[in-house]
Amino acid sequence: MDTTTTDTTVNFGDIIKKSVTSSFSTDISIAKILITLGISFIIGLFIFILYKRVFSGVLYSKSFNVSLIGMTMVTAMVIIAISSNLVLSLGMVGALSIVRFRTPIKDPTDLIFLFWAAVAGIVTGAGFFTLAAIGSVIIGLVLFFFIKNTSTDTPYLLVINCTGDESEQLVHSQIGSLVKRYNVKQKTVSAGNIEITLEVRLRDNEGRFVNQISQLGGVKNAVLISYNGDYVS
């Protein structure tokens, strides 16, 4: 009775061990490596081209964009190794856990592209080529539509220094008739001076607009600044 139970336990353990070890191998075919890295390169290149087309920040970084291709391919290579060898996967998890990335991400869109490149590499390395290709195309179309085809109006910051409340009211009444729309971003009041920062969407002719504001009574100066829509107070 006890012998039968022991034999059954041993056999069940052998089955579990065999099922785990059989799904991992130390030999990876060259064809699989080349196909996976080739597909990951194509997807990374697609991400590279799309990022370059939709970038709307202040300073375009080619090195960051190239790193998207590298991240896709490197991630795919790591996933190939992890899925092929159990011992290596455990060691790699421990090694990668001590890696810390200190590069600051200022634009949330850059974070989306980084995460996209990493996920595309993971999916490609796992062998889901169709999912990686179709998913990347759909994500690319969505990002292109919502980033590239947004409002065509160029936002401006208008900084005005005026003497008092009456001149401020005059500025607001004039701006309302000269621009498409505007809203107050910041207002600083000091003795004998009021500084107003406005976000404006102009109709046309920026220079004439600034001259008209500068000629209003009580306005000391007016400065028009072009910016990308991100404002830091």
Foldseek 3Di string as FASTA:
>chain_A
DVVVVVVVVVVVVVVVVCVVPVQAAPDDDPVLLVVLLVLLLVLLVVLLVLCVVLDQADDDDNVLSVVLSVLLNVLLVLLLNVRHHVVVVVVVVVVVVPDDDDDDDPDVVSVVSNVLSNVLSNCSSVPVSVCSVVVSVVVSVVCCCPRVVDDPFFKKKKKWKFFDDVLVVVLVVVLVVFFPDKDWDDWDDDHRIIITIMITGGDDDPPVVQVVSCPGPRIPHMDMGTHRPDDDD
